[in-house]
Amino acid sequence: MPWIILFVSAALEAVWATALGASKGLSQIVPTIVFVVALVSSMATLAYAATHIPISTAYAVWAGTGAALTVAYAMLTGQEVVTVLRVLFLIGIVGSVIGLKLLKSTPRVSPQDRAGTHG
């Protein structure tokens, strides 16, 4: 479930980033409201996911997925030009996110923990 929440959070990141661009410097009320609501929701869901997934992995997945979704949406709506290189780089981001998801996280054990001395 934390991974699903993390991907929802990343989608919300794409929403707030897109709304921020549409708000024209926070001067347009509806996109500004969407930006604020999506931003708070994205941070709250990222915070929840980070209690179950190491923050280093959660943040990288969140940022990469959110960025890829933002660019993909911009390309689909004609705000960005679709090019072979853009698509290849997006595939690279998505591949990296999948790789991080598939890796097993093992907590790092300090030398003191191994020796049984907890200062």
PDB file of N, CA and C in Angstrom:
ATOM      1  N   MET A   1       0.794  -1.205   0.000  1.00  0.00           N
ATOM      2  CA  MET A   1       0.000   0.000   0.000  1.00  0.00           C
ATOM      3  C   MET A   1       0.847   1.285   0.000  1.00  0.00           C
ATOM      4  N   PRO A   2       1.985   1.337   0.730  1.00  0.00           N
ATOM      5  CA  PRO A   2       2.793   2.560   0.694  1.00  0.00           C
ATOM      6  C   PRO A   2       3.268   2.931  -0.713  1.00  0.00           C
ATOM      7  N   TRP A   3       3.553   1.911  -1.529  1.00  0.00           N
ATOM      8  CA  TRP A   3       3.998   2.211  -2.894  1.00  0.00           C
ATOM      9  C   TRP A   3       2.870   2.818  -3.714  1.00  0.00           C
ATOM     10  N   ILE A   4       1.670   2.352  -3.525  1.00  0.00           N
ATOM     11  CA  ILE A   4       0.524   2.943  -4.238  1.00  0.00           C
ATOM     12  C   ILE A   4       0.358   4.400  -3.814  1.00  0.00           C
ATOM     13  N   ILE A   5       0.436   4.644  -2.510  1.00  0.00           N
ATOM     14  CA  ILE A   5       0.338   6.009  -1.982  1.00  0.00           C
ATOM     15  C   ILE A   5       1.458   6.875  -2.557  1.00  0.00           C
ATOM     16  N   LEU A   6       2.653   6.321  -2.676  1.00  0.00           N
ATOM     17  CA  LEU A   6       3.775   7.070  -3.230  1.00  0.00           C
ATOM     18  C   LEU A   6       3.504   7.465  -4.681  1.00  0.00           C
ATOM     19  N   PHE A   7       2.956   6.559  -5.463  1.00  0.00           N
ATOM     20  CA  PHE A   7       2.662   6.885  -6.864  1.00  0.00           C
ATOM     21  C   PHE A   7       1.509   7.882  -6.976  1.00  0.00           C
ATOM     22  N   VAL A   8       0.536   7.801  -6.087  1.00  0.00           N
ATOM     23  CA  VAL A   8      -0.528   8.822  -6.037  1.00  0.00           C
ATOM     24  C   VAL A   8       0.104  10.174  -5.708  1.00  0.00           C
ATOM     25  N   SER A   9       1.026  10.178  -4.755  1.00  0.00           N
ATOM     26  CA  SER A   9       1.722  11.400  -4.380  1.00  0.00           C
ATOM     27  C   SER A   9       2.487  11.995  -5.563  1.00  0.00           C
ATOM     28  N   ALA A  10       3.130  11.148  -6.339  1.00  0.00           N
ATOM     29  CA  ALA A  10       3.869  11.606  -7.517  1.00  0.00           C
ATOM     30  C   ALA A  10       2.916  12.181  -8.568  1.00  0.00           C
ATOM     31  N   ALA A  11       1.754  11.551  -8.732  1.00  0.00           N
ATOM     32  CA  ALA A  11       0.758  12.093  -9.665  1.00  0.00           C
ATOM     33  C   ALA A  11       0.285  13.466  -9.192  1.00  0.00           C
ATOM     34  N   LEU A  12       0.114  13.604  -7.879  1.00  0.00           N
ATOM     35  CA  LEU A  12      -0.265  14.902  -7.326  1.00  0.00           C
ATOM     36  C   LEU A  12       0.842  15.939  -7.535  1.00  0.00           C
ATOM     37  N   GLU A  13       2.092  15.494  -7.526  1.00  0.00           N
ATOM     38  CA  GLU A  13       3.193  16.410  -7.831  1.00  0.00           C
ATOM     39  C   GLU A  13       3.050  16.944  -9.250  1.00  0.00           C
ATOM     40  N   ALA A  14       2.717  16.063 -10.183  1.00  0.00           N
ATOM     41  CA  ALA A  14       2.519  16.499 -11.565  1.00  0.00           C
ATOM     42  C   ALA A  14       1.349  17.478 -11.665  1.00  0.00           C
ATOM     43  N   VAL A  15       0.295  17.241 -10.875  1.00  0.00           N
ATOM     44  CA  VAL A  15      -0.853  18.156 -10.871  1.00  0.00           C
ATOM     45  C   VAL A  15      -0.432  19.523 -10.361  1.00  0.00           C
ATOM     46  N   TRP A  16       0.283  19.565  -9.210  1.00  0.00           N
ATOM     47  CA  TRP A  16       0.634  20.885  -8.685  1.00  0.00           C
ATOM     48  C   TRP A  16       1.645  21.605  -9.572  1.00  0.00           C
ATOM     49  N   ALA A  17       2.550  20.872 -10.184  1.00  0.00           N
ATOM     50  CA  ALA A  17       3.521  21.515 -11.078  1.00  0.00           C
ATOM     51  C   ALA A  17       2.820  22.107 -12.298  1.00  0.00           C
ATOM     52  N   THR A  18       1.879  21.359 -12.849  1.00  0.00           N
ATOM     53  CA  THR A  18       1.122  21.845 -14.001  1.00  0.00           C
ATOM     54  C   THR A  18       0.253  23.040 -13.613  1.00  0.00           C
ATOM     55  N   ALA A  19      -0.401  22.944 -12.457  1.00  0.00           N
ATOM     56  CA  ALA A  19      -1.238  24.049 -11.986  1.00  0.00           C
ATOM     57  C   ALA A  19      -0.398  25.291 -11.693  1.00  0.00           C
ATOM     58  N   LEU A  20       0.809  25.093 -11.175  1.00  0.00           N
ATOM     59  CA  LEU A  20       1.688  26.227 -10.909  1.00  0.00           C
ATOM     60  C   LEU A  20       1.990  26.973 -12.209  1.00  0.00           C
ATOM     61  N   GLY A  21       2.279  26.216 -13.258  1.00  0.00           N
ATOM     62  CA  GLY A  21       2.530  26.845 -14.557  1.00  0.00           C
ATOM     63  C   GLY A  21       1.304  27.574 -15.091  1.00  0.00           C
ATOM     64  N   ALA A  22       0.133  26.986 -14.887  1.00  0.00           N
ATOM     65  CA  ALA A  22      -1.113  27.591 -15.373  1.00  0.00           C
ATOM     66  C   ALA A  22      -1.549  28.791 -14.538  1.00  0.00           C
ATOM     67  N   SER A  23      -1.001  28.922 -13.334  1.00  0.00           N
ATOM     68  CA  SER A  23      -1.438  29.998 -12.439  1.00  0.00           C
ATOM     69  C   SER A  23      -0.846  31.358 -12.810  1.00  0.00           C
ATOM     70  N   LYS A  24       0.099  31.364 -13.742  1.00  0.00           N
ATOM     71  CA  LYS A  24       0.744  32.605 -14.175  1.00  0.00           C
ATOM     72  C   LYS A  24       1.270  33.407 -12.979  1.00  0.00           C
ATOM     73  N   GLY A  25       2.158  32.756 -12.228  1.00  0.00           N
ATOM     74  CA  GLY A  25       2.755  33.404 -11.067  1.00  0.00           C
ATOM     75  C   GLY A  25       1.794  33.551  -9.905  1.00  0.00           C
ATOM     76  N   LEU A  26       0.901  32.571  -9.746  1.00  0.00           N
ATOM     77  CA  LEU A  26      -0.110  32.547  -8.684  1.00  0.00           C
ATOM     78  C   LEU A  26      -1.113  33.704  -8.801  1.00  0.00           C
ATOM     79  N   SER A  27      -1.285  34.227 -10.025  1.00  0.00           N
ATOM     80  CA  SER A  27      -2.225  35.336 -10.235  1.00  0.00           C
ATOM     81  C   SER A  27      -3.611  34.869 -10.690  1.00  0.00           C
ATOM     82  N   GLN A  28      -3.718  33.611 -11.108  1.00  0.00           N
ATOM     83  CA  GLN A  28      -5.004  33.051 -11.536  1.00  0.00           C
ATOM     84  C   GLN A  28      -5.566  32.202 -10.408  1.00  0.00           C
ATOM     85  N   ILE A  29      -6.781  32.502  -9.952  1.00  0.00           N
ATOM     86  CA  ILE A  29      -7.310  31.911  -8.719  1.00  0.00           C
ATOM     87  C   ILE A  29      -7.517  30.390  -8.794  1.00  0.00           C
ATOM     88  N   VAL A  30      -8.162  29.896  -9.848  1.00  0.00           N
ATOM     89  CA  VAL A  30      -8.468  28.456  -9.902  1.00  0.00           C
ATOM     90  C   VAL A  30      -7.195  27.614  -9.978  1.00  0.00           C
ATOM     91  N   PRO A  31      -6.263  27.917 -10.904  1.00  0.00           N
ATOM     92  CA  PRO A  31      -5.023  27.122 -10.898  1.00  0.00           C
ATOM     93  C   PRO A  31      -4.239  27.265  -9.594  1.00  0.00           C
ATOM     94  N   THR A  32      -4.305  28.419  -8.953  1.00  0.00           N
ATOM     95  CA  THR A  32      -3.604  28.614  -7.681  1.00  0.00           C
ATOM     96  C   THR A  32      -4.206  27.737  -6.597  1.00  0.00           C
ATOM     97  N   ILE A  33      -5.529  27.653  -6.549  1.00  0.00           N
ATOM     98  CA  ILE A  33      -6.190  26.778  -5.567  1.00  0.00           C
ATOM     99  C   ILE A  33      -5.833  25.323  -5.835  1.00  0.00           C
ATOM    100  N   VAL A  34      -5.862  24.909  -7.106  1.00  0.00           N
ATOM    101  CA  VAL A  34      -5.484  23.536  -7.470  1.00  0.00           C
ATOM    102  C   VAL A  34      -4.033  23.282  -7.058  1.00  0.00           C
ATOM    103  N   PHE A  35      -3.166  24.243  -7.307  1.00  0.00           N
ATOM    104  CA  PHE A  35      -1.755  24.128  -6.924  1.00  0.00           C
ATOM    105  C   PHE A  35      -1.612  23.890  -5.421  1.00  0.00           C
ATOM    106  N   VAL A  36      -2.253  24.709  -4.613  1.00  0.00           N
ATOM    107  CA  VAL A  36      -2.111  24.608  -3.152  1.00  0.00           C
ATOM    108  C   VAL A  36      -2.666  23.280  -2.638  1.00  0.00           C
ATOM    109  N   VAL A  37      -3.852  22.909  -3.091  1.00  0.00           N
ATOM    110  CA  VAL A  37      -4.469  21.656  -2.626  1.00  0.00           C
ATOM    111  C   VAL A  37      -3.622  20.455  -3.052  1.00  0.00           C
ATOM    112  N   ALA A  38      -3.171  20.443  -4.302  1.00  0.00           N
ATOM    113  CA  ALA A  38      -2.362  19.316  -4.788  1.00  0.00           C
ATOM    114  C   ALA A  38      -0.999  19.282  -4.094  1.00  0.00           C
ATOM    115  N   LEU A  39      -0.416  20.456  -3.828  1.00  0.00           N
ATOM    116  CA  LEU A  39       0.882  20.510  -3.153  1.00  0.00           C
ATOM    117  C   LEU A  39       0.792  19.944  -1.742  1.00  0.00           C
ATOM    118  N   VAL A  40      -0.201  20.398  -0.984  1.00  0.00           N
ATOM    119  CA  VAL A  40      -0.367  19.903   0.389  1.00  0.00           C
ATOM    120  C   VAL A  40      -0.660  18.403   0.378  1.00  0.00           C
ATOM    121  N   SER A  41      -1.521  17.969  -0.530  1.00  0.00           N
ATOM    122  CA  SER A  41      -1.861  16.536  -0.617  1.00  0.00           C
ATOM    123  C   SER A  41      -0.644  15.707  -1.020  1.00  0.00           C
ATOM    124  N   SER A  42       0.145  16.220  -1.954  1.00  0.00           N
ATOM    125  CA  SER A  42       1.334  15.508  -2.399  1.00  0.00           C
ATOM    126  C   SER A  42       2.351  15.369  -1.269  1.00  0.00           C
ATOM    127  N   MET A  43       2.557  16.442  -0.518  1.00  0.00           N
ATOM    128  CA  MET A  43       3.507  16.383   0.596  1.00  0.00           C
ATOM    129  C   MET A  43       3.007  15.440   1.696  1.00  0.00           C
ATOM    130  N   ALA A  44       1.715  15.477   1.979  1.00  0.00           N
ATOM    131  CA  ALA A  44       1.156  14.610   3.028  1.00  0.00           C
ATOM    132  C   ALA A  44       1.288  13.138   2.642  1.00  0.00           C
ATOM    133  N   THR A  45       0.997  12.818   1.390  1.00  0.00           N
ATOM    134  CA  THR A  45       1.097  11.423   0.963  1.00  0.00           C
ATOM    135  C   THR A  45       2.552  10.978   0.848  1.00  0.00           C
ATOM    136  N   LEU A  46       3.449  11.893   0.455  1.00  0.00           N
ATOM    137  CA  LEU A  46       4.877  11.558   0.446  1.00  0.00           C
ATOM    138  C   LEU A  46       5.359  11.294   1.872  1.00  0.00           C
ATOM    139  N   ALA A  47       4.924  12.115   2.802  1.00  0.00           N
ATOM    140  CA  ALA A  47       5.313  11.925   4.207  1.00  0.00           C
ATOM    141  C   ALA A  47       4.840  10.571   4.717  1.00  0.00           C
ATOM    142  N   TYR A  48       3.617  10.188   4.372  1.00  0.00           N
ATOM    143  CA  TYR A  48       3.107   8.876   4.792  1.00  0.00           C
ATOM    144  C   TYR A  48       3.954   7.761   4.171  1.00  0.00           C
ATOM    145  N   ALA A  49       4.182   7.839   2.863  1.00  0.00           N
ATOM    146  CA  ALA A  49       4.950   6.784   2.183  1.00  0.00           C
ATOM    147  C   ALA A  49       6.351   6.668   2.772  1.00  0.00           C
ATOM    148  N   ALA A  50       6.932   7.805   3.153  1.00  0.00           N
ATOM    149  CA  ALA A  50       8.302   7.803   3.687  1.00  0.00           C
ATOM    150  C   ALA A  50       8.393   7.176   5.074  1.00  0.00           C
ATOM    151  N   THR A  51       7.257   6.918   5.716  1.00  0.00           N
ATOM    152  CA  THR A  51       7.310   6.188   6.984  1.00  0.00           C
ATOM    153  C   THR A  51       7.435   4.678   6.752  1.00  0.00           C
ATOM    154  N   HIS A  52       7.236   4.247   5.503  1.00  0.00           N
ATOM    155  CA  HIS A  52       7.295   2.825   5.161  1.00  0.00           C
ATOM    156  C   HIS A  52       8.391   2.488   4.145  1.00  0.00           C
ATOM    157  N   ILE A  53       8.818   3.502   3.406  1.00  0.00           N
ATOM    158  CA  ILE A  53       9.836   3.333   2.366  1.00  0.00           C
ATOM    159  C   ILE A  53      10.970   4.287   2.727  1.00  0.00           C
ATOM    160  N   PRO A  54      12.227   3.858   2.640  1.00  0.00           N
ATOM    161  CA  PRO A  54      13.317   4.783   2.964  1.00  0.00           C
ATOM    162  C   PRO A  54      13.176   6.090   2.175  1.00  0.00           C
ATOM    163  N   ILE A  55      13.389   7.217   2.849  1.00  0.00           N
ATOM    164  CA  ILE A  55      13.175   8.523   2.219  1.00  0.00           C
ATOM    165  C   ILE A  55      14.035   8.707   0.977  1.00  0.00           C
ATOM    166  N   SER A  56      15.233   8.149   0.966  1.00  0.00           N
ATOM    167  CA  SER A  56      16.085   8.286  -0.217  1.00  0.00           C
ATOM    168  C   SER A  56      15.426   7.654  -1.444  1.00  0.00           C
ATOM    169  N   THR A  57      14.838   6.503  -1.279  1.00  0.00           N
ATOM    170  CA  THR A  57      14.140   5.836  -2.376  1.00  0.00           C
ATOM    171  C   THR A  57      12.812   6.521  -2.658  1.00  0.00           C
ATOM    172  N   ALA A  58      12.053   6.817  -1.608  1.00  0.00           N
ATOM    173  CA  ALA A  58      10.738   7.437  -1.788  1.00  0.00           C
ATOM    174  C   ALA A  58      10.858   8.770  -2.520  1.00  0.00           C
ATOM    175  N   TYR A  59      11.821   9.581  -2.117  1.00  0.00           N
ATOM    176  CA  TYR A  59      11.964  10.889  -2.747  1.00  0.00           C
ATOM    177  C   TYR A  59      12.382  10.757  -4.208  1.00  0.00           C
ATOM    178  N   ALA A  60      13.327   9.870  -4.497  1.00  0.00           N
ATOM    179  CA  ALA A  60      13.775   9.684  -5.880  1.00  0.00           C
ATOM    180  C   ALA A  60      12.639   9.192  -6.767  1.00  0.00           C
ATOM    181  N   VAL A  61      11.860   8.250  -6.268  1.00  0.00           N
ATOM    182  CA  VAL A  61      10.716   7.729  -7.037  1.00  0.00           C
ATOM    183  C   VAL A  61       9.671   8.828  -7.213  1.00  0.00           C
ATOM    184  N   TRP A  62       9.386   9.572  -6.146  1.00  0.00           N
ATOM    185  CA  TRP A  62       8.398  10.650  -6.188  1.00  0.00           C
ATOM    186  C   TRP A  62       8.793  11.712  -7.203  1.00  0.00           C
ATOM    187  N   ALA A  63      10.039  12.177  -7.108  1.00  0.00           N
ATOM    188  CA  ALA A  63      10.497  13.243  -7.995  1.00  0.00           C
ATOM    189  C   ALA A  63      10.565  12.773  -9.447  1.00  0.00           C
ATOM    190  N   GLY A  64      11.110  11.581  -9.663  1.00  0.00           N
ATOM    191  CA  GLY A  64      11.230  11.064 -11.026  1.00  0.00           C
ATOM    192  C   GLY A  64       9.882  10.818 -11.675  1.00  0.00           C
ATOM    193  N   THR A  65       8.987  10.180 -10.929  1.00  0.00           N
ATOM    194  CA  THR A  65       7.656   9.887 -11.474  1.00  0.00           C
ATOM    195  C   THR A  65       6.887  11.177 -11.715  1.00  0.00           C
ATOM    196  N   GLY A  66       6.940  12.086 -10.753  1.00  0.00           N
ATOM    197  CA  GLY A  66       6.243  13.362 -10.918  1.00  0.00           C
ATOM    198  C   GLY A  66       6.759  14.145 -12.111  1.00  0.00           C
ATOM    199  N   ALA A  67       8.072  14.190 -12.268  1.00  0.00           N
ATOM    200  CA  ALA A  67       8.666  14.901 -13.404  1.00  0.00           C
ATOM    201  C   ALA A  67       8.268  14.252 -14.726  1.00  0.00           C
ATOM    202  N   ALA A  68       8.340  12.931 -14.783  1.00  0.00           N
ATOM    203  CA  ALA A  68       7.979  12.223 -16.018  1.00  0.00           C
ATOM    204  C   ALA A  68       6.512  12.455 -16.371  1.00  0.00           C
ATOM    205  N   LEU A  69       5.638  12.407 -15.369  1.00  0.00           N
ATOM    206  CA  LEU A  69       4.218  12.645 -15.628  1.00  0.00           C
ATOM    207  C   LEU A  69       3.962  14.085 -16.074  1.00  0.00           C
ATOM    208  N   THR A  70       4.681  15.027 -15.490  1.00  0.00           N
ATOM    209  CA  THR A  70       4.518  16.433 -15.870  1.00  0.00           C
ATOM    210  C   THR A  70       4.919  16.649 -17.323  1.00  0.00           C
ATOM    211  N   VAL A  71       6.050  16.111 -17.715  1.00  0.00           N
ATOM    212  CA  VAL A  71       6.511  16.266 -19.098  1.00  0.00           C
ATOM    213  C   VAL A  71       5.599  15.500 -20.060  1.00  0.00           C
ATOM    214  N   ALA A  72       5.202  14.290 -19.686  1.00  0.00           N
ATOM    215  CA  ALA A  72       4.315  13.508 -20.555  1.00  0.00           C
ATOM    216  C   ALA A  72       2.994  14.241 -20.777  1.00  0.00           C
ATOM    217  N   TYR A  73       2.433  14.812 -19.718  1.00  0.00           N
ATOM    218  CA  TYR A  73       1.183  15.574 -19.845  1.00  0.00           C
ATOM    219  C   TYR A  73       1.387  16.781 -20.767  1.00  0.00           C
ATOM    220  N   ALA A  74       2.495  17.469 -20.589  1.00  0.00           N
ATOM    221  CA  ALA A  74       2.778  18.635 -21.435  1.00  0.00           C
ATOM    222  C   ALA A  74       2.910  18.231 -22.906  1.00  0.00           C
ATOM    223  N   MET A  75       3.514  17.090 -23.156  1.00  0.00           N
ATOM    224  CA  MET A  75       3.635  16.623 -24.538  1.00  0.00           C
ATOM    225  C   MET A  75       2.277  16.213 -25.099  1.00  0.00           C
ATOM    226  N   LEU A  76       1.473  15.541 -24.279  1.00  0.00           N
ATOM    227  CA  LEU A  76       0.144  15.102 -24.748  1.00  0.00           C
ATOM    228  C   LEU A  76      -0.792  16.272 -25.042  1.00  0.00           C
ATOM    229  N   THR A  77      -0.623  17.369 -24.312  1.00  0.00           N
ATOM    230  CA  THR A  77      -1.494  18.534 -24.504  1.00  0.00           C
ATOM    231  C   THR A  77      -0.916  19.547 -25.485  1.00  0.00           C
ATOM    232  N   GLY A  78       0.256  19.268 -26.041  1.00  0.00           N
ATOM    233  CA  GLY A  78       0.855  20.155 -27.024  1.00  0.00           C
ATOM    234  C   GLY A  78       1.641  21.316 -26.438  1.00  0.00           C
ATOM    235  N   GLN A  79       1.829  21.332 -25.127  1.00  0.00           N
ATOM    236  CA  GLN A  79       2.613  22.407 -24.506  1.00  0.00           C
ATOM    237  C   GLN A  79       4.111  22.180 -24.680  1.00  0.00           C
ATOM    238  N   GLU A  80       4.504  20.951 -24.906  1.00  0.00           N
ATOM    239  CA  GLU A  80       5.891  20.586 -25.185  1.00  0.00           C
ATOM    240  C   GLU A  80       5.912  19.800 -26.485  1.00  0.00           C
ATOM    241  N   VAL A  81       6.973  19.973 -27.236  1.00  0.00           N
ATOM    242  CA  VAL A  81       7.137  19.244 -28.480  1.00  0.00           C
ATOM    243  C   VAL A  81       7.583  17.816 -28.161  1.00  0.00           C
ATOM    244  N   VAL A  82       6.979  16.859 -28.850  1.00  0.00           N
ATOM    245  CA  VAL A  82       7.377  15.457 -28.695  1.00  0.00           C
ATOM    246  C   VAL A  82       8.576  15.212 -29.605  1.00  0.00           C
ATOM    247  N   THR A  83       9.678  14.783 -29.011  1.00  0.00           N
ATOM    248  CA  THR A  83      10.859  14.436 -29.801  1.00  0.00           C
ATOM    249  C   THR A  83      11.338  13.055 -29.368  1.00  0.00           C
ATOM    250  N   VAL A  84      12.111  12.445 -30.218  1.00  0.00           N
ATOM    251  CA  VAL A  84      12.654  11.123 -29.905  1.00  0.00           C
ATOM    252  C   VAL A  84      13.505  11.202 -28.644  1.00  0.00           C
ATOM    253  N   LEU A  85      14.342  12.217 -28.538  1.00  0.00           N
ATOM    254  CA  LEU A  85      15.204  12.328 -27.358  1.00  0.00           C
ATOM    255  C   LEU A  85      14.388  12.530 -26.083  1.00  0.00           C
ATOM    256  N   ARG A  86      13.348  13.366 -26.134  1.00  0.00           N
ATOM    257  CA  ARG A  86      12.502  13.552 -24.936  1.00  0.00           C
ATOM    258  C   ARG A  86      11.887  12.229 -24.500  1.00  0.00           C
ATOM    259  N   VAL A  87      11.366  11.503 -25.452  1.00  0.00           N
ATOM    260  CA  VAL A  87      10.734  10.218 -25.135  1.00  0.00           C
ATOM    261  C   VAL A  87      11.779   9.251 -24.569  1.00  0.00           C
ATOM    262  N   LEU A  88      12.962   9.203 -25.149  1.00  0.00           N
ATOM    263  CA  LEU A  88      14.015   8.312 -24.648  1.00  0.00           C
ATOM    264  C   LEU A  88      14.429   8.686 -23.226  1.00  0.00           C
ATOM    265  N   PHE A  89      14.560   9.972 -22.946  1.00  0.00           N
ATOM    266  CA  PHE A  89      14.933  10.388 -21.595  1.00  0.00           C
ATOM    267  C   PHE A  89      13.814  10.081 -20.597  1.00  0.00           C
ATOM    268  N   LEU A  90      12.568  10.235 -21.011  1.00  0.00           N
ATOM    269  CA  LEU A  90      11.451   9.864 -20.132  1.00  0.00           C
ATOM    270  C   LEU A  90      11.464   8.367 -19.851  1.00  0.00           C
ATOM    271  N   ILE A  91      11.759   7.578 -20.863  1.00  0.00           N
ATOM    272  CA  ILE A  91      11.877   6.127 -20.663  1.00  0.00           C
ATOM    273  C   ILE A  91      13.000   5.835 -19.663  1.00  0.00           C
ATOM    274  N   GLY A  92      14.091   6.593 -19.750  1.00  0.00           N
ATOM    275  CA  GLY A  92      15.188   6.431 -18.793  1.00  0.00           C
ATOM    276  C   GLY A  92      14.752   6.735 -17.363  1.00  0.00           C
ATOM    277  N   ILE A  93      13.968   7.795 -17.184  1.00  0.00           N
ATOM    278  CA  ILE A  93      13.466   8.127 -15.851  1.00  0.00           C
ATOM    279  C   ILE A  93      12.559   7.021 -15.337  1.00  0.00           C
ATOM    280  N   VAL A  94      11.639   6.585 -16.173  1.00  0.00           N
ATOM    281  CA  VAL A  94      10.704   5.529 -15.772  1.00  0.00           C
ATOM    282  C   VAL A  94      11.465   4.244 -15.462  1.00  0.00           C
ATOM    283  N   GLY A  95      12.458   3.913 -16.272  1.00  0.00           N
ATOM    284  CA  GLY A  95      13.272   2.723 -16.009  1.00  0.00           C
ATOM    285  C   GLY A  95      14.002   2.825 -14.685  1.00  0.00           C
ATOM    286  N   SER A  96      14.505   4.006 -14.371  1.00  0.00           N
ATOM    287  CA  SER A  96      15.185   4.210 -13.089  1.00  0.00           C
ATOM    288  C   SER A  96      14.226   4.047 -11.921  1.00  0.00           C
ATOM    289  N   VAL A  97      13.023   4.577 -12.070  1.00  0.00           N
ATOM    290  CA  VAL A  97      12.009   4.442 -11.015  1.00  0.00           C
ATOM    291  C   VAL A  97      11.660   2.972 -10.802  1.00  0.00           C
ATOM    292  N   ILE A  98      11.476   2.246 -11.892  1.00  0.00           N
ATOM    293  CA  ILE A  98      11.172   0.816 -11.787  1.00  0.00           C
ATOM    294  C   ILE A  98      12.323   0.083 -11.107  1.00  0.00           C
ATOM    295  N   GLY A  99      13.550   0.432 -11.469  1.00  0.00           N
ATOM    296  CA  GLY A  99      14.717  -0.198 -10.844  1.00  0.00           C
ATOM    297  C   GLY A  99      14.753   0.046  -9.341  1.00  0.00           C
ATOM    298  N   LEU A 100      14.479   1.289  -8.922  1.00  0.00           N
ATOM    299  CA  LEU A 100      14.452   1.583  -7.484  1.00  0.00           C
ATOM    300  C   LEU A 100      13.348   0.817  -6.780  1.00  0.00           C
ATOM    301  N   LYS A 101      12.218   0.661  -7.455  1.00  0.00           N
ATOM    302  CA  LYS A 101      11.096  -0.076  -6.859  1.00  0.00           C
ATOM    303  C   LYS A 101      11.453  -1.551  -6.684  1.00  0.00           C
ATOM    304  N   LEU A 102      12.180  -2.098  -7.624  1.00  0.00           N
ATOM    305  CA  LEU A 102      12.504  -3.522  -7.584  1.00  0.00           C
ATOM    306  C   LEU A 102      13.632  -3.865  -6.611  1.00  0.00           C
ATOM    307  N   LEU A 103      14.482  -2.888  -6.306  1.00  0.00           N
ATOM    308  CA  LEU A 103      15.572  -3.137  -5.358  1.00  0.00           C
ATOM    309  C   LEU A 103      15.017  -3.352  -3.961  1.00  0.00           C
ATOM    310  N   LYS A 104      15.609  -4.264  -3.261  1.00  0.00           N
ATOM    311  CA  LYS A 104      15.227  -4.500  -1.866  1.00  0.00           C
ATOM    312  C   LYS A 104      16.015  -3.540  -0.994  1.00  0.00           C
ATOM    313  N   SER A 105      15.330  -2.834  -0.124  1.00  0.00           N
ATOM    314  CA  SER A 105      16.002  -1.918   0.797  1.00  0.00           C
ATOM    315  C   SER A 105      16.449  -2.681   2.034  1.00  0.00           C
ATOM    316  N   THR A 106      17.716  -2.558   2.337  1.00  0.00           N
ATOM    317  CA  THR A 106      18.225  -3.143   3.578  1.00  0.00           C
ATOM    318  C   THR A 106      18.817  -2.018   4.394  1.00  0.00           C
ATOM    319  N   PRO A 107      18.396  -1.899   5.636  1.00  0.00           N
ATOM    320  CA  PRO A 107      18.922  -0.812   6.457  1.00  0.00           C
ATOM    321  C   PRO A 107      20.422  -0.959   6.670  1.00  0.00           C
ATOM    322  N   ARG A 108      21.093   0.149   6.661  1.00  0.00           N
ATOM    323  CA  ARG A 108      22.533   0.147   6.898  1.00  0.00           C
ATOM    324  C   ARG A 108      22.773  -0.043   8.389  1.00  0.00           C
ATOM    325  N   VAL A 109      23.676  -0.923   8.708  1.00  0.00           N
ATOM    326  CA  VAL A 109      23.999  -1.205  10.107  1.00  0.00           C
ATOM    327  C   VAL A 109      25.345  -0.570  10.404  1.00  0.00           C
ATOM    328  N   SER A 110      25.375   0.271  11.419  1.00  0.00           N
ATOM    329  CA  SER A 110      26.623   0.939  11.781  1.00  0.00           C
ATOM    330  C   SER A 110      27.561  -0.047  12.483  1.00  0.00           C
ATOM    331  N   PRO A 111      28.866   0.246  12.495  1.00  0.00           N
ATOM    332  CA  PRO A 111      29.818  -0.641  13.196  1.00  0.00           C
ATOM    333  C   PRO A 111      29.473  -0.772  14.682  1.00  0.00           C
ATOM    334  N   GLN A 112      28.945   0.290  15.303  1.00  0.00           N
ATOM    335  CA  GLN A 112      28.580   0.232  16.709  1.00  0.00           C
ATOM    336  C   GLN A 112      27.418  -0.759  16.935  1.00  0.00           C
ATOM    337  N   ASP A 113      26.456  -0.747  16.006  1.00  0.00           N
ATOM    338  CA  ASP A 113      25.333  -1.691  16.135  1.00  0.00           C
ATOM    339  C   ASP A 113      25.798  -3.128  15.991  1.00  0.00           C
ATOM    340  N   ARG A 114      26.727  -3.357  15.073  1.00  0.00           N
ATOM    341  CA  ARG A 114      27.255  -4.699  14.885  1.00  0.00           C
ATOM    342  C   ARG A 114      28.000  -5.176  16.115  1.00  0.00           C
ATOM    343  N   ALA A 115      28.706  -4.251  16.782  1.00  0.00           N
ATOM    344  CA  ALA A 115      29.494  -4.610  17.969  1.00  0.00           C
ATOM    345  C   ALA A 115      28.620  -4.672  19.216  1.00  0.00           C
ATOM    346  N   GLY A 116      27.376  -4.231  19.102  1.00  0.00           N
ATOM    347  CA  GLY A 116      26.485  -4.288  20.242  1.00  0.00           C
ATOM    348  C   GLY A 116      26.642  -3.128  21.203  1.00  0.00           C
ATOM    349  N   THR A 117      27.368  -2.099  20.775  1.00  0.00           N
ATOM    350  CA  THR A 117      27.529  -0.932  21.649  1.00  0.00           C
ATOM    351  C   THR A 117      26.659   0.195  21.112  1.00  0.00           C
ATOM    352  N   HIS A 118      25.680   0.561  21.894  1.00  0.00           N
ATOM    353  CA  HIS A 118      24.755   1.618  21.493  1.00  0.00           C
ATOM    354  C   HIS A 118      24.976   2.808  22.409  1.00  0.00           C
ATOM    355  N   GLY A 119      25.987   3.639  22.086  1.00  0.00           N
ATOM    356  CA  GLY A 119      26.403   4.790  22.858  1.00  0.00           C
ATOM    357  C   GLY A 119      25.369   5.539  23.498  1.00  0.00           C
TER     358      GLY A 119
END
